[in-house]
C-alpha atoms as a PDB file:
ATOM      1  CA  MET A   1      94.489  96.430 127.750  1.00  0.00           C
ATOM      2  CA  ARG A   2      91.815  99.301 129.515  1.00  0.00           C
ATOM      3  CA  LYS A   3      92.390 102.661 128.267  1.00  0.00           C
ATOM      4  CA  THR A   4      92.950 105.499 130.649  1.00  0.00           C
ATOM      5  CA  GLN A   5      90.526 108.198 130.762  1.00  0.00           C
ATOM      6  CA  ARG A   6      93.256 110.792 129.874  1.00  0.00           C
ATOM      7  CA  GLU A   7      94.222 108.595 126.829  1.00  0.00           C
ATOM      8  CA  VAL A   8      90.503 108.756 125.627  1.00  0.00           C
ATOM      9  CA  VAL A   9      90.170 112.386 126.170  1.00  0.00           C
ATOM     10  CA  ILE A  10      93.661 112.875 124.436  1.00  0.00           C
ATOM     11  CA  ALA A  11      92.266 110.587 121.478  1.00  0.00           C
ATOM     12  CA  TYR A  12      88.774 112.210 121.129  1.00  0.00           C
ATOM     13  CA  ILE A  13      90.930 115.731 121.028  1.00  0.00           C
ATOM     14  CA  GLY A  14      92.924 114.527 118.075  1.00  0.00           C
ATOM     15  CA  LEU A  15      89.915 112.963 116.156  1.00  0.00           C
ATOM     16  CA  LEU A  16      88.016 116.461 116.302  1.00  0.00           C
ATOM     17  CA  LEU A  17      91.241 118.059 114.785  1.00  0.00           C
ATOM     18  CA  ALA A  18      91.282 115.519 112.344  1.00  0.00           C
ATOM     19  CA  VAL A  19      87.529 116.365 111.309  1.00  0.00           C
ATOM     20  CA  ALA A  20      88.786 120.251 111.095  1.00  0.00           C
ATOM     21  CA  ALA A  21      91.486 118.632 108.791  1.00  0.00           C
ATOM     22  CA  THR A  22      89.562 116.641 106.590  1.00  0.00           C
ATOM     23  CA  ALA A  23      86.664 118.729 106.446  1.00  0.00           C
ATOM     24  CA  CYS A  24      88.503 121.503 104.665  1.00  0.00           C
ATOM     25  CA  THR A  25      90.514 118.700 102.413  1.00  0.00           C
ATOM     26  CA  PRO A  26      87.641 119.108  99.497  1.00  0.00           C
ATOM     27  CA  ILE A  27      87.395 122.349  99.921  1.00  0.00           C
ATOM     28  CA  LEU A  28      90.847 123.014  98.784  1.00  0.00           C
ATOM     29  CA  ILE A  29      90.765 119.827  96.507  1.00  0.00           C
ATOM     30  CA  ARG A  30      87.907 121.473  94.503  1.00  0.00           C
ATOM     31  CA  ILE A  31      89.800 124.657  94.067  1.00  0.00           C
ATOM     32  CA  SER A  32      92.914 122.876  92.895  1.00  0.00           C
ATOM     33  CA  GLU A  33      90.905 121.185  90.532  1.00  0.00           C
ATOM     34  CA  GLY A  34      89.907 124.608  88.830  1.00  0.00           C
ATOM     35  CA  ALA A  35      93.685 124.661  87.773  1.00  0.00           C
ATOM     36  CA  MET A  36      94.555 121.158  87.418  1.00  0.00           C
ATOM     37  CA  SER A  37      93.098 117.627  86.491  1.00  0.00           C
ATOM     38  CA  PRO A  38      91.944 115.580  89.861  1.00  0.00           C
ATOM     39  CA  PHE A  39      94.850 112.933  89.243  1.00  0.00           C
ATOM     40  CA  ALA A  40      97.364 115.629  88.963  1.00  0.00           C
ATOM     41  CA  THR A  41      96.005 117.100  92.318  1.00  0.00           C
ATOM     42  CA  ILE A  42      96.617 114.125  94.128  1.00  0.00           C
ATOM     43  CA  PHE A  43      99.854 113.288  92.391  1.00  0.00           C
ATOM     44  CA  ASN A  44     101.342 116.573  93.556  1.00  0.00           C
ATOM     45  CA  ARG A  45      99.641 115.858  97.121  1.00  0.00           C
ATOM     46  CA  VAL A  46     101.194 112.544  97.705  1.00  0.00           C
ATOM     47  CA  TRP A  47     104.598 114.070  96.508  1.00  0.00           C
ATOM     48  CA  ILE A  48     104.298 116.942  98.796  1.00  0.00           C
ATOM     49  CA  VAL A  49     103.767 114.691 101.537  1.00  0.00           C
ATOM     50  CA  VAL A  50     106.902 112.641 100.963  1.00  0.00           C
ATOM     51  CA  LEU A  51     108.747 115.541 100.697  1.00  0.00           C
ATOM     52  CA  ILE A  52     107.442 117.179 103.984  1.00  0.00           C
ATOM     53  CA  LEU A  53     108.090 113.311 105.947  1.00  0.00           C
ATOM     54  CA  GLY A  54     111.508 113.044 103.972  1.00  0.00           C
ATOM     55  CA  LEU A  55     112.801 116.244 105.626  1.00  0.00           C
ATOM     56  CA  TRP A  56     111.549 115.440 108.840  1.00  0.00           C
ATOM     57  CA  ASN A  57     112.902 112.234 108.893  1.00  0.00           C
ATOM     58  CA  LEU A  58     116.348 113.276 107.661  1.00  0.00           C
ATOM     59  CA  GLY A  59     116.529 115.980 110.359  1.00  0.00           C
ATOM     60  CA  SER A  60     115.758 113.423 113.250  1.00  0.00           C
ATOM     61  CA  PHE A  61     117.902 110.879 111.959  1.00  0.00           C
ATOM     62  CA  LEU A  62     120.890 113.840 111.780  1.00  0.00           C
ATOM     63  CA  LYS A  63     119.641 114.655 115.120  1.00  0.00           C
ATOM     64  CA  SER A  64     120.125 110.462 116.318  1.00  0.00           C
ATOM     65  CA  GLN A  65     123.532 110.550 114.948  1.00  0.00           C
ATOM     66  CA  LEU A  66     124.401 113.286 116.873  1.00  0.00           C
ATOM     67  CA  THR A  67     123.270 111.956 119.967  1.00  0.00           C
ATOM     68  CA  SER A  68     123.943 108.184 119.600  1.00  0.00           C
ATOM     69  CA  SER A  69     126.279 105.990 117.493  1.00  0.00           C
ATOM     70  CA  ARG A  70     122.916 103.690 116.257  1.00  0.00           C
ATOM     71  CA  PRO A  71     123.687 102.222 113.247  1.00  0.00           C
ATOM     72  CA  LEU A  72     121.748 103.308 109.735  1.00  0.00           C
ATOM     73  CA  GLY A  73     119.573 100.446 109.452  1.00  0.00           C
ATOM     74  CA  ALA A  74     118.769 100.003 113.284  1.00  0.00           C
ATOM     75  CA  GLY A  75     115.623 102.224 113.205  1.00  0.00           C
ATOM     76  CA  PHE A  76     113.952 100.330 110.366  1.00  0.00           C
ATOM     77  CA  GLY A  77     113.462  96.847 111.803  1.00  0.00           C
ATOM     78  CA  SER A  78     111.037  94.380 109.710  1.00  0.00           C
ATOM     79  CA  ARG A  79     108.121  95.840 107.622  1.00  0.00           C
ATOM     80  CA  PRO A  80     104.929  93.937 107.220  1.00  0.00           C
ATOM     81  CA  PRO A  81     105.231  94.385 103.023  1.00  0.00           C
ATOM     82  CA  LEU A  82     101.948  92.801 102.655  1.00  0.00           C
ATOM     83  CA  LEU A  83      99.666  95.108 104.948  1.00  0.00           C
ATOM     84  CA  LEU A  84     101.563  97.572 103.358  1.00  0.00           C
ATOM     85  CA  LEU A  85     100.867  97.241  99.846  1.00  0.00           C
ATOM     86  CA  GLY A  86      97.190  96.724 101.062  1.00  0.00           C
ATOM     87  CA  LEU A  87      97.553 100.237 102.736  1.00  0.00           C
ATOM     88  CA  ILE A  88      98.627 101.799  99.636  1.00  0.00           C
ATOM     89  CA  CYS A  89      96.140 100.082  97.454  1.00  0.00           C
ATOM     90  CA  THR A  90      93.260 100.977  99.239  1.00  0.00           C
ATOM     91  CA  ALA A  91      94.606 104.862 100.549  1.00  0.00           C
ATOM     92  CA  LEU A  92      95.448 105.768  96.703  1.00  0.00           C
ATOM     93  CA  PRO A  93      91.905 104.870  94.944  1.00  0.00           C
ATOM     94  CA  CYS A  94      90.056 106.518  97.592  1.00  0.00           C
ATOM     95  CA  GLN A  95      92.163 109.481  97.453  1.00  0.00           C
ATOM     96  CA  LEU A  96      91.439 109.430  93.351  1.00  0.00           C
ATOM     97  CA  PHE A  97      87.719 108.248  93.226  1.00  0.00           C
ATOM     98  CA  TRP A  98      87.022 111.156  95.954  1.00  0.00           C
ATOM     99  CA  ALA A  99      88.844 113.852  94.000  1.00  0.00           C
ATOM    100  CA  TRP A 100      87.115 112.843  90.731  1.00  0.00           C
ATOM    101  CA  SER A 101      83.837 112.536  92.505  1.00  0.00           C
ATOM    102  CA  LEU A 102      84.410 116.523  93.317  1.00  0.00           C
ATOM    103  CA  THR A 103      84.601 117.229  89.650  1.00  0.00           C
ATOM    104  CA  LYS A 104      81.155 115.776  89.007  1.00  0.00           C
ATOM    105  CA  THR A 105      79.061 116.545  92.069  1.00  0.00           C
ATOM    106  CA  SER A 106      78.648 119.015  94.589  1.00  0.00           C
ATOM    107  CA  VAL A 107      81.050 119.176  97.505  1.00  0.00           C
ATOM    108  CA  ALA A 108      78.430 118.356 100.051  1.00  0.00           C
ATOM    109  CA  ASN A 109      76.873 115.403  98.185  1.00  0.00           C
ATOM    110  CA  SER A 110      80.370 113.849  97.954  1.00  0.00           C
ATOM    111  CA  GLU A 111      81.419 114.745 101.542  1.00  0.00           C
ATOM    112  CA  VAL A 112      78.081 112.674 102.908  1.00  0.00           C
ATOM    113  CA  LEU A 113      78.440 109.767 100.272  1.00  0.00           C
ATOM    114  CA  HIS A 114      82.008 109.710 101.237  1.00  0.00           C
ATOM    115  CA  SER A 115      80.929 109.042 104.939  1.00  0.00           C
ATOM    116  CA  PHE A 116      79.317 106.053 104.107  1.00  0.00           C
ATOM    117  CA  THR A 117      82.627 104.546 105.779  1.00  0.00           C
ATOM    118  CA  PRO A 118      81.131 103.314 108.900  1.00  0.00           C
ATOM    119  CA  VAL A 119      78.233 101.198 107.110  1.00  0.00           C
ATOM    120  CA  PHE A 120      81.188  99.855 104.855  1.00  0.00           C
ATOM    121  CA  THR A 121      83.551  98.975 108.046  1.00  0.00           C
ATOM    122  CA  THR A 122      80.485  97.065 109.422  1.00  0.00           C
ATOM    123  CA  LEU A 123      79.643  95.227 106.578  1.00  0.00           C
ATOM    124  CA  ILE A 124      82.953  94.160 105.838  1.00  0.00           C
ATOM    125  CA  GLY A 125      83.197  92.816 109.417  1.00  0.00           C
ATOM    126  CA  TRP A 126      79.947  91.029 109.140  1.00  0.00           C
ATOM    127  CA  LEU A 127      80.868  89.295 105.607  1.00  0.00           C
ATOM    128  CA  PHE A 128      84.625  88.591 106.175  1.00  0.00           C
ATOM    129  CA  LEU A 129      85.335  88.801 109.706  1.00  0.00           C
ATOM    130  CA  GLN A 130      82.520  86.581 111.293  1.00  0.00           C
ATOM    131  CA  GLN A 131      80.848  89.154 112.788  1.00  0.00           C
ATOM    132  CA  SER A 132      76.837  89.687 113.385  1.00  0.00           C
ATOM    133  CA  PHE A 133      74.709  92.778 114.172  1.00  0.00           C
ATOM    134  CA  ASP A 134      71.347  93.112 115.545  1.00  0.00           C
ATOM    135  CA  ARG A 135      68.355  95.259 114.728  1.00  0.00           C
ATOM    136  CA  LEU A 136      69.567  98.682 115.292  1.00  0.00           C
ATOM    137  CA  PHE A 137      72.253  98.017 112.554  1.00  0.00           C
ATOM    138  CA  LEU A 138      69.688  96.898 109.871  1.00  0.00           C
ATOM    139  CA  LEU A 139      67.541  99.667 111.004  1.00  0.00           C
ATOM    140  CA  GLY A 140      70.542 102.226 110.436  1.00  0.00           C
ATOM    141  CA  ILE A 141      71.287 100.435 106.855  1.00  0.00           C
ATOM    142  CA  LEU A 142      67.473 101.035 105.720  1.00  0.00           C
ATOM    143  CA  ILE A 143      67.462 104.553 106.609  1.00  0.00           C
ATOM    144  CA  THR A 144      71.063 105.342 105.119  1.00  0.00           C
ATOM    145  CA  VAL A 145      70.056 103.674 101.988  1.00  0.00           C
ATOM    146  CA  GLY A 146      66.685 105.597 102.037  1.00  0.00           C
ATOM    147  CA  GLY A 147      68.751 108.962 102.747  1.00  0.00           C
ATOM    148  CA  SER A 148      70.877 108.311  99.987  1.00  0.00           C
ATOM    149  CA  ILE A 149      68.003 107.554  97.315  1.00  0.00           C
ATOM    150  CA  LEU A 150      66.415 111.105  98.358  1.00  0.00           C
ATOM    151  CA  LEU A 151      69.894 112.652  98.143  1.00  0.00           C
ATOM    152  CA  VAL A 152      70.780 111.334  94.646  1.00  0.00           C
ATOM    153  CA  GLY A 153      67.507 111.433  93.602  1.00  0.00           C
ATOM    154  CA  ASN A 154      67.249 114.891  94.320  1.00  0.00           C
ATOM    155  CA  ASP A 155      69.886 115.824  91.567  1.00  0.00           C
ATOM    156  CA  TYR A 156      69.594 113.002  89.209  1.00  0.00           C
ATOM    157  CA  SER A 157      66.513 114.353  87.004  1.00  0.00           C
ATOM    158  CA  THR A 158      67.907 117.651  86.400  1.00  0.00           C
ATOM    159  CA  ALA A 159      72.174 116.581  86.532  1.00  0.00           C
ATOM    160  CA  PRO A 160      72.556 112.951  85.062  1.00  0.00           C
ATOM    161  CA  GLU A 161      76.609 113.336  85.304  1.00  0.00           C
ATOM    162  CA  LYS A 162      75.849 113.720  89.016  1.00  0.00           C
ATOM    163  CA  LEU A 163      75.121 110.441  89.791  1.00  0.00           C
ATOM    164  CA  ILE A 164      78.344 109.373  88.374  1.00  0.00           C
ATOM    165  CA  GLY A 165      80.098 111.593  90.841  1.00  0.00           C
ATOM    166  CA  ASP A 166      77.965 110.353  93.831  1.00  0.00           C
ATOM    167  CA  ALA A 167      78.871 106.845  92.803  1.00  0.00           C
ATOM    168  CA  LEU A 168      82.502 107.617  92.860  1.00  0.00           C
ATOM    169  CA  ALA A 169      82.052 109.060  96.447  1.00  0.00           C
ATOM    170  CA  LEU A 170      80.287 105.958  97.604  1.00  0.00           C
ATOM    171  CA  ILE A 171      83.657 103.963  96.048  1.00  0.00           C
ATOM    172  CA  SER A 172      85.735 106.407  97.784  1.00  0.00           C
ATOM    173  CA  ALA A 173      84.067 105.282 101.415  1.00  0.00           C
ATOM    174  CA  LEU A 174      84.156 101.767 100.444  1.00  0.00           C
ATOM    175  CA  PHE A 175      88.151 102.085  99.933  1.00  0.00           C
ATOM    176  CA  TRP A 176      88.408 104.298 103.035  1.00  0.00           C
ATOM    177  CA  ALA A 177      86.431 101.615 105.093  1.00  0.00           C
ATOM    178  CA  LEU A 178      89.315  99.249 104.061  1.00  0.00           C
ATOM    179  CA  TYR A 179      92.201 101.458 104.827  1.00  0.00           C
ATOM    180  CA  LEU A 180      90.970 101.902 108.469  1.00  0.00           C
ATOM    181  CA  ILE A 181      90.616  98.192 108.862  1.00  0.00           C
ATOM    182  CA  LEU A 182      94.312  97.624 107.502  1.00  0.00           C
ATOM    183  CA  SER A 183      95.534 100.365 109.475  1.00  0.00           C
ATOM    184  CA  LYS A 184      93.838  98.799 112.855  1.00  0.00           C
ATOM    185  CA  ARG A 185      96.179  95.515 111.894  1.00  0.00           C
ATOM    186  CA  ILE A 186      99.019  97.549 111.537  1.00  0.00           C
ATOM    187  CA  GLN A 187      99.129  99.592 114.562  1.00  0.00           C
ATOM    188  CA  SER A 188     101.379  97.197 117.000  1.00  0.00           C
ATOM    189  CA  GLN A 189     103.857  96.869 113.924  1.00  0.00           C
ATOM    190  CA  MET A 190     104.563 100.754 112.985  1.00  0.00           C
ATOM    191  CA  GLU A 191     104.112 104.138 114.278  1.00  0.00           C
ATOM    192  CA  PRO A 192     101.477 105.936 112.516  1.00  0.00           C
ATOM    193  CA  ILE A 193     104.189 108.726 111.012  1.00  0.00           C
ATOM    194  CA  GLU A 194     105.892 105.713 109.387  1.00  0.00           C
ATOM    195  CA  ILE A 195     103.015 104.220 107.733  1.00  0.00           C
ATOM    196  CA  VAL A 196     101.939 107.644 106.432  1.00  0.00           C
ATOM    197  CA  GLY A 197     105.209 107.925 104.981  1.00  0.00           C
ATOM    198  CA  TYR A 198     105.209 104.351 103.709  1.00  0.00           C
ATOM    199  CA  ILE A 199     101.906 104.792 102.294  1.00  0.00           C
ATOM    200  CA  SER A 200     102.693 108.205 100.498  1.00  0.00           C
ATOM    201  CA  PHE A 201     105.840 107.058  99.231  1.00  0.00           C
ATOM    202  CA  GLY A 202     104.088 104.079  97.687  1.00  0.00           C
ATOM    203  CA  SER A 203     101.264 106.313  96.300  1.00  0.00           C
ATOM    204  CA  ALA A 204     103.334 109.035  95.058  1.00  0.00           C
ATOM    205  CA  ILE A 205     105.223 106.126  92.865  1.00  0.00           C
ATOM    206  CA  LEU A 206     102.029 104.652  91.630  1.00  0.00           C
ATOM    207  CA  MET A 207     100.718 107.754  90.862  1.00  0.00           C
ATOM    208  CA  SER A 208     103.787 108.744  88.456  1.00  0.00           C
ATOM    209  CA  ILE A 209     103.424 105.600  86.691  1.00  0.00           C
ATOM    210  CA  LEU A 210      99.942 105.981  86.163  1.00  0.00           C
ATOM    211  CA  LEU A 211     100.168 109.491  84.961  1.00  0.00           C
ATOM    212  CA  TYR A 212     102.930 108.485  82.427  1.00  0.00           C
ATOM    213  CA  PHE A 213     100.868 105.790  80.989  1.00  0.00           C
ATOM    214  CA  ILE A 214      97.214 107.645  80.789  1.00  0.00           C
ATOM    215  CA  GLY A 215      98.623 111.275  80.921  1.00  0.00           C
ATOM    216  CA  THR A 216      96.286 113.884  82.358  1.00  0.00           C
ATOM    217  CA  ASP A 217      94.228 117.153  81.126  1.00  0.00           C
ATOM    218  CA  GLY A 218      95.947 120.227  81.812  1.00  0.00           C
ATOM    219  CA  PRO A 219      98.998 120.858  83.418  1.00  0.00           C
ATOM    220  CA  ILE A 220     100.703 118.481  85.958  1.00  0.00           C
ATOM    221  CA  PHE A 221     102.264 120.779  88.448  1.00  0.00           C
ATOM    222  CA  PRO A 222     100.871 123.987  89.649  1.00  0.00           C
ATOM    223  CA  ASP A 223     101.680 127.237  87.348  1.00  0.00           C
ATOM    224  CA  SER A 224     101.198 129.667  90.371  1.00  0.00           C
ATOM    225  CA  LEU A 225     102.582 130.197  93.374  1.00  0.00           C
ATOM    226  CA  ASN A 226      98.946 130.678  94.791  1.00  0.00           C
ATOM    227  CA  ASP A 227      98.196 126.860  93.425  1.00  0.00           C
ATOM    228  CA  TRP A 228     101.570 125.824  94.914  1.00  0.00           C
ATOM    229  CA  LEU A 229     100.460 127.150  98.248  1.00  0.00           C
ATOM    230  CA  ILE A 230      97.042 125.047  97.989  1.00  0.00           C
ATOM    231  CA  GLU A 231      99.038 121.703  97.252  1.00  0.00           C
ATOM    232  CA  PHE A 232     101.260 122.287 100.000  1.00  0.00           C
ATOM    233  CA  VAL A 233      98.330 123.044 102.789  1.00  0.00           C
ATOM    234  CA  LEU A 234      96.795 119.607 101.042  1.00  0.00           C
ATOM    235  CA  GLY A 235      99.866 117.935 101.853  1.00  0.00           C
ATOM    236  CA  ALA A 236     100.454 119.118 105.292  1.00  0.00           C
ATOM    237  CA  LEU A 237      96.489 118.499 106.522  1.00  0.00           C
ATOM    238  CA  SER A 238      96.973 114.789 104.782  1.00  0.00           C
ATOM    239  CA  ILE A 239     100.074 114.076 107.008  1.00  0.00           C
ATOM    240  CA  LEU A 240      97.846 115.832 110.237  1.00  0.00           C
ATOM    241  CA  SER A 241      94.612 114.252 109.604  1.00  0.00           C
ATOM    242  CA  GLN A 242      96.328 110.767 108.962  1.00  0.00           C
ATOM    243  CA  VAL A 243      98.613 110.770 111.660  1.00  0.00           C
ATOM    244  CA  LEU A 244      95.914 111.999 114.505  1.00  0.00           C
ATOM    245  CA  ILE A 245      93.363 109.517 112.657  1.00  0.00           C
ATOM    246  CA  LEU A 246      95.752 106.498 113.213  1.00  0.00           C
ATOM    247  CA  ARG A 247      96.766 107.387 116.678  1.00  0.00           C
ATOM    248  CA  SER A 248      93.127 107.753 117.610  1.00  0.00           C
ATOM    249  CA  MET A 249      92.780 103.705 116.480  1.00  0.00           C
ATOM    250  CA  LYS A 250      95.057 102.669 119.339  1.00  0.00           C
ATOM    251  CA  VAL A 251      92.077 103.416 121.646  1.00  0.00           C
ATOM    252  CA  PHE A 252      88.721 103.522 119.170  1.00  0.00           C
ATOM    253  CA  SER A 253      87.868 100.615 116.873  1.00  0.00           C
ATOM    254  CA  PRO A 254      87.405 101.617 113.147  1.00  0.00           C
ATOM    255  CA  GLY A 255      83.697 102.038 113.222  1.00  0.00           C
ATOM    256  CA  LEU A 256      83.571 104.307 115.847  1.00  0.00           C
ATOM    257  CA  VAL A 257      86.773 106.508 114.495  1.00  0.00           C
ATOM    258  CA  ALA A 258      84.460 106.850 111.271  1.00  0.00           C
ATOM    259  CA  THR A 259      81.454 107.395 113.420  1.00  0.00           C
ATOM    260  CA  VAL A 260      83.312 110.677 114.726  1.00  0.00           C
ATOM    261  CA  LEU A 261      84.416 111.816 111.262  1.00  0.00           C
ATOM    262  CA  LEU A 262      80.738 112.102 110.566  1.00  0.00           C
ATOM    263  CA  LEU A 263      80.882 115.812 111.268  1.00  0.00           C
ATOM    264  CA  ASN A 264      82.877 116.145 108.385  1.00  0.00           C
ATOM    265  CA  PRO A 265      79.651 116.650 105.790  1.00  0.00           C
ATOM    266  CA  ILE A 266      78.491 119.153 108.438  1.00  0.00           C
ATOM    267  CA  VAL A 267      81.418 121.009 108.364  1.00  0.00           C
ATOM    268  CA  THR A 268      82.190 120.583 104.754  1.00  0.00           C
ATOM    269  CA  ALA A 269      78.729 121.474 103.619  1.00  0.00           C
ATOM    270  CA  LEU A 270      79.056 124.932 105.416  1.00  0.00           C
ATOM    271  CA  LEU A 271      82.372 125.740 103.973  1.00  0.00           C
ATOM    272  CA  ALA A 272      80.872 125.045 100.606  1.00  0.00           C
ATOM    273  CA  TYR A 273      77.853 127.218 101.040  1.00  0.00           C
ATOM    274  CA  LEU A 274      80.167 129.893 102.150  1.00  0.00           C
ATOM    275  CA  ILE A 275      83.078 129.862  99.856  1.00  0.00           C
ATOM    276  CA  PHE A 276      81.229 128.216  96.467  1.00  0.00           C
ATOM    277  CA  SER A 277      77.842 129.385  97.257  1.00  0.00           C
ATOM    278  CA  GLU A 278      76.390 125.756  97.006  1.00  0.00           C
ATOM    279  CA  PHE A 279      72.726 126.203  97.201  1.00  0.00           C
ATOM    280  CA  LEU A 280      71.383 123.549 100.025  1.00  0.00           C
ATOM    281  CA  SER A 281      67.439 122.559  99.338  1.00  0.00           C
ATOM    282  CA  PHE A 282      65.281 121.922 102.090  1.00  0.00           C
ATOM    283  CA  LEU A 283      65.622 118.058 100.487  1.00  0.00           C
ATOM    284  CA  ASP A 284      69.302 118.404 100.595  1.00  0.00           C
ATOM    285  CA  CYS A 285      69.346 119.373 104.432  1.00  0.00           C
ATOM    286  CA  LEU A 286      67.072 116.503 105.119  1.00  0.00           C
ATOM    287  CA  ALA A 287      68.398 113.807 102.995  1.00  0.00           C
ATOM    288  CA  MET A 288      72.224 114.597 104.568  1.00  0.00           C
ATOM    289  CA  PHE A 289      70.618 114.462 108.251  1.00  0.00           C
ATOM    290  CA  ILE A 290      68.913 111.216 107.170  1.00  0.00           C
ATOM    291  CA  VAL A 291      71.799 109.592 105.692  1.00  0.00           C
ATOM    292  CA  ILE A 292      74.108 110.793 108.829  1.00  0.00           C
ATOM    293  CA  THR A 293      71.199 109.403 111.352  1.00  0.00           C
ATOM    294  CA  GLY A 294      71.423 106.444 109.343  1.00  0.00           C
ATOM    295  CA  ILE A 295      75.149 106.094 109.450  1.00  0.00           C
ATOM    296  CA  TYR A 296      75.129 106.702 113.409  1.00  0.00           C
ATOM    297  CA  LEU A 297      72.473 103.884 113.950  1.00  0.00           C
ATOM    298  CA  THR A 298      74.486 101.711 112.080  1.00  0.00           C
ATOM    299  CA  SER A 299      78.001 102.390 114.081  1.00  0.00           C
ATOM    300  CA  LEU A 300      76.049 102.040 117.134  1.00  0.00           C
ATOM    301  CA  GLY A 301      74.428  98.250 116.170  1.00  0.00           C
ATOM    302  CA  LYS A 302      75.938  95.746 118.423  1.00  0.00           C
ATOM    303  CA  VAL A 303      78.265  93.850 116.511  1.00  0.00           C
ATOM    304  CA  LYS A 304      79.500  90.441 118.108  1.00  0.00           C
ATOM    305  CA  GLN A 305      82.886  88.947 117.412  1.00  0.00           C
ATOM    306  CA  LYS A 306      82.769  85.460 116.875  1.00  0.00           C
ATOM    307  CA  ASN A 307      86.478  84.901 116.321  1.00  0.00           C
ATOM    308  CA  ARG A 308      88.548  85.824 119.312  1.00  0.00           C
ATOM    309  CA  HIS A 309      91.621  86.258 117.334  1.00  0.00           C
ATOM    310  CA  LEU A 310      90.165  89.132 115.387  1.00  0.00           C
ATOM    311  CA  SER A 311      88.767  90.970 118.541  1.00  0.00           C
ATOM    312  CA  GLU A 312      91.355  93.775 117.738  1.00  0.00           C
ATOM    313  CA  LEU A 313      89.170  95.047 114.855  1.00  0.00           C
ATOM    314  CA  ASP A 314      86.081  95.664 117.347  1.00  0.00           C
END
């Protein structure tokens, strides 16, 4: 179905707002990790999202009951449990690995490597969805890998632990790519706010089980009003960014959405410099530019769909 110009403009505006929300997220996570572990931070974040959406849905339900006689179960319908389970199993690891990486590497490094998502979405399409790619894609892959080696190698000689943090950020990018691809498949069956609600509820349950068995260093819950405020802001930003990203994928492909989100590392690096005084050397800036350029070229590479039944993923 052909999208109108108005839908495209609204989708782009939503994506830019999502960029602003997601760019602030690693900064707030880093601040939160000053008082709690990465697992505790994500645990509180997902439960706060569930609380916010639960109150919002309760208000919407009560309003609908006052204006209509619709039975309680009429608004739920049938849910695709396998796709939802897949989304939960990709969204939660993405958050955990990303938050973990922020404890071992710089915010700028983590955000740049987390932005490898377009490379992974295209590779997954080629390997598993019968897609092919052209020379521009291959060139983008080579440039991205070269930039990442420069970015990681610049720190590896003096701080080996950062290599682990960089690897964790890359793993989070892989899970984020899988999340975007699965989200595209479920768009026609559920509304974005519903998807976020189910994912957050499932993630909160899994996090509770995980913390029960493995525990965590430090407190599980914030112990000050300021820490609680940071967690609530993280929850609100999570809802805003996820809903806007999911809505935009009704108009754009996962690869294009991931490409627009490449603005995140630039904004986040500037915020990290201003707030945490993270030093960015010339080589760091050059490596970041090379990586982002490579990812952009990769996303521009022509991907040919051989299977018409999977055309909605393009």
